[in-house]
Amino acid sequence: MKQLITGGARSGKSALAQARALEWQQQTDGKVVVIATATAEGQEMAQRIAHHQSRRPNSWQLLEAPRNLGDLLAKHSQPNTLIMVDCLTLWLSNELFGGDWPMAKEALLDALPGLPGPLILIGNEVGQGVVPLGEGNRRFVDECGWLQQHLSPLMDRVTLTLAGLPLELKECS
């Protein structure tokens, strides 16, 4: 099953994704791989990363990958391995402002249908507030929205989190 969990900052996305991954692991005795896209630039971000790491089981494998997500998913996806990507929004930022965003997005979208294993993607809803100042900021918000619109049809399940509560937007049985 391929899932997208989206919501605002501190809405409970990662906690929900971790609970679903743990439940899957307990039911299947499978392996969980976390692909972390953040880079520790500054103490505040390092603290955020440490917080996320402290909430995950030590048995889960961690891959740090700020870029080239499509290739990494294709390389590591297996039927008995759930991959959790935390988070798409930081990956988008890394590719948009330091990589080749159109190619990276295309590689991700091309890889998804062929992945043999379960997948949980975590991303932020960033376009529900005011229109941001600055061309780069507006482009980031637009690209984030378009990315999730392109991902949703490829997902079996899409969940929006608000105040720590999941709202199922799409669920295929």
Protein backbone atom coordinates (compact mmCIF):
# COMPACT_ATOMS: atom_id res chain seq x y z
CA MET A 1 0.00 0.00 0.00
CA LYS A 2 1.23 3.46 -0.88
CA GLN A 3 0.19 6.27 1.45
CA LEU A 4 0.52 10.04 1.55
CA ILE A 5 0.10 11.74 4.92
CA THR A 6 -0.16 15.50 4.70
CA GLY A 7 -0.97 18.36 7.05
CA GLY A 8 0.42 21.49 8.60
CA ALA A 9 3.48 21.84 10.76
CA ARG A 10 3.17 19.93 14.05
CA SER A 11 -0.20 18.47 12.98
CA GLY A 12 0.73 14.89 13.88
CA LYS A 13 1.86 13.64 10.47
CA SER A 14 5.03 11.90 11.59
CA ALA A 15 3.40 10.36 14.67
CA LEU A 16 0.61 8.94 12.50
CA ALA A 17 3.09 7.63 9.92
CA GLN A 18 5.19 6.01 12.64
CA ALA A 19 2.13 4.38 14.21
CA ARG A 20 1.06 2.98 10.83
CA ALA A 21 4.57 1.72 10.09
CA LEU A 22 4.81 0.07 13.51
CA GLU A 23 1.40 -1.56 13.07
CA TRP A 24 2.44 -2.85 9.63
CA GLN A 25 5.71 -4.18 11.06
CA GLN A 26 3.94 -6.00 13.88
CA GLN A 27 1.45 -7.57 11.45
CA THR A 28 4.03 -8.66 8.88
CA ASP A 29 7.31 -8.95 10.80
CA GLY A 30 8.73 -6.85 7.97
CA LYS A 31 11.49 -4.30 7.93
CA VAL A 32 11.02 -0.51 8.13
CA VAL A 33 13.37 1.91 6.40
CA VAL A 34 13.10 5.64 7.13
CA ILE A 35 14.37 8.01 4.47
CA ALA A 36 15.06 11.33 6.18
CA THR A 37 15.40 14.30 3.86
CA ALA A 38 16.35 16.99 6.38
CA THR A 39 19.83 18.35 6.79
CA ALA A 40 21.00 19.64 10.16
CA GLU A 41 21.71 23.24 9.25
CA GLY A 42 21.82 24.95 12.61
CA GLN A 43 21.00 23.92 16.14
CA GLU A 44 17.22 24.32 15.85
CA MET A 45 17.04 21.92 12.89
CA ALA A 46 19.39 19.49 14.62
CA GLN A 47 17.00 19.48 17.59
CA ARG A 48 14.03 18.78 15.31
CA ILE A 49 15.90 15.88 13.72
CA ALA A 50 16.86 14.49 17.13
CA HIS A 51 13.23 14.72 18.27
CA HIS A 52 12.06 12.67 15.27
CA GLN A 53 14.84 10.12 15.74
CA SER A 54 14.02 9.66 19.43
CA ARG A 55 10.44 8.69 18.60
CA ARG A 56 11.36 5.91 16.16
CA PRO A 57 12.26 2.33 17.13
CA ASN A 58 15.99 1.65 17.06
CA SER A 59 15.37 -1.38 14.83
CA TRP A 60 14.28 0.84 11.94
CA GLN A 61 16.97 1.52 9.36
CA LEU A 62 17.71 5.19 8.68
CA LEU A 63 18.85 6.54 5.33
CA GLU A 64 19.66 10.22 5.13
CA ALA A 65 18.86 11.44 1.64
CA PRO A 66 18.21 15.11 1.05
CA ARG A 67 18.09 14.52 -2.74
CA ASN A 68 17.55 11.82 -5.41
CA LEU A 69 14.50 10.34 -3.71
CA GLY A 70 13.12 8.52 -6.76
CA ASP A 71 16.36 6.59 -7.28
CA LEU A 72 16.62 5.71 -3.59
CA LEU A 73 13.05 4.42 -3.45
CA ALA A 74 13.60 2.25 -6.51
CA LYS A 75 16.81 0.86 -4.99
CA HIS A 76 15.43 0.02 -1.52
CA SER A 77 11.77 -0.90 -2.11
CA GLN A 78 11.04 -4.58 -1.48
CA PRO A 79 7.79 -6.45 -0.74
CA ASN A 80 8.69 -7.03 2.92
CA THR A 81 10.16 -3.55 3.52
CA LEU A 82 8.05 -0.52 4.32
CA ILE A 83 9.71 2.74 3.38
CA MET A 84 8.70 5.90 5.21
CA VAL A 85 9.84 9.23 3.72
CA ASP A 86 10.01 12.11 6.20
CA CYS A 87 9.54 14.53 4.57
CA LEU A 88 8.63 15.41 1.01
CA THR A 89 8.54 19.12 1.75
CA LEU A 90 12.18 19.31 2.81
CA TRP A 91 13.15 17.10 -0.14
CA LEU A 92 11.29 19.46 -2.48
CA SER A 93 13.15 22.42 -0.98
CA ASN A 94 16.49 20.66 -1.36
CA GLU A 95 15.81 19.84 -5.02
CA LEU A 96 14.10 23.12 -5.91
CA PHE A 97 16.80 25.37 -4.49
CA GLY A 98 19.87 23.14 -4.86
CA GLY A 99 19.18 20.53 -7.48
CA ASP A 100 17.21 19.87 -10.63
CA TRP A 101 13.61 20.03 -9.43
CA PRO A 102 11.79 19.08 -12.65
CA MET A 103 14.01 16.02 -13.14
CA ALA A 104 13.80 15.01 -9.46
CA LYS A 105 10.00 15.28 -9.44
CA GLU A 106 9.73 13.28 -12.66
CA ALA A 107 12.05 10.58 -11.27
CA LEU A 108 9.89 10.26 -8.14
CA LEU A 109 6.61 10.11 -10.05
CA ASP A 110 8.08 7.57 -12.50
CA ALA A 111 9.43 5.34 -9.70
CA LEU A 112 6.26 5.14 -7.60
CA PRO A 113 4.07 2.83 -9.72
CA GLY A 114 6.79 0.18 -9.94
CA LEU A 115 7.70 0.02 -6.26
CA PRO A 116 7.02 -3.49 -4.94
CA GLY A 117 6.88 -2.60 -1.25
CA PRO A 118 4.67 -0.49 1.01
CA LEU A 119 5.39 3.21 1.23
CA ILE A 120 4.42 6.10 3.48
CA LEU A 121 5.19 9.60 2.23
CA ILE A 122 4.91 12.53 4.65
CA GLY A 123 4.47 16.06 3.33
CA ASN A 124 3.30 19.47 4.50
CA GLU A 125 0.27 21.43 3.41
CA VAL A 126 1.84 24.85 3.02
CA GLY A 127 -0.62 26.65 0.77
CA GLN A 128 -3.52 27.15 3.14
CA GLY A 129 -2.37 30.49 4.50
CA VAL A 130 -1.65 33.86 2.97
CA VAL A 131 0.15 34.13 -0.35
CA PRO A 132 3.81 34.50 0.66
CA LEU A 133 5.98 37.43 -0.32
CA GLY A 134 8.79 36.78 -2.74
CA GLU A 135 8.90 34.86 -5.97
CA GLY A 136 10.95 31.97 -4.52
CA ASN A 137 8.52 31.51 -1.63
CA ARG A 138 5.49 31.56 -3.93
CA ARG A 139 7.14 29.05 -6.25
CA PHE A 140 7.88 26.75 -3.31
CA VAL A 141 4.25 26.85 -2.15
CA ASP A 142 3.02 26.25 -5.71
CA GLU A 143 5.39 23.35 -6.32
CA CYS A 144 4.47 21.75 -2.99
CA GLY A 145 0.78 21.89 -3.87
CA TRP A 146 1.34 20.58 -7.39
CA LEU A 147 3.57 17.76 -6.09
CA GLN A 148 0.86 16.51 -3.76
CA GLN A 149 -1.75 16.81 -6.51
CA HIS A 150 0.43 14.63 -8.75
CA LEU A 151 1.14 12.13 -5.97
CA SER A 152 -2.45 11.63 -4.80
CA PRO A 153 -3.66 9.65 -7.82
CA LEU A 154 -0.69 7.27 -7.37
CA MET A 155 -1.50 6.61 -3.71
CA ASP A 156 -3.82 3.99 -2.26
CA ARG A 157 -4.48 6.13 0.79
CA VAL A 158 -4.25 9.89 1.38
CA THR A 159 -4.67 11.25 4.91
CA LEU A 160 -4.84 14.85 6.09
CA THR A 161 -3.87 15.44 9.71
CA LEU A 162 -5.25 18.31 11.76
CA ALA A 163 -4.69 18.76 15.50
CA GLY A 164 -3.29 15.25 15.69
CA LEU A 165 -6.38 13.73 14.10
CA PRO A 166 -6.41 11.88 10.78
CA LEU A 167 -8.96 12.74 8.12
CA GLU A 168 -9.04 10.13 5.36
CA LEU A 169 -9.27 11.84 1.96
CA LYS A 170 -8.75 8.68 -0.10
CA GLU A 171 -8.74 5.06 0.92
CA CYS A 172 -8.68 2.11 -1.45
CA SER A 173 -9.38 -1.30 0.00
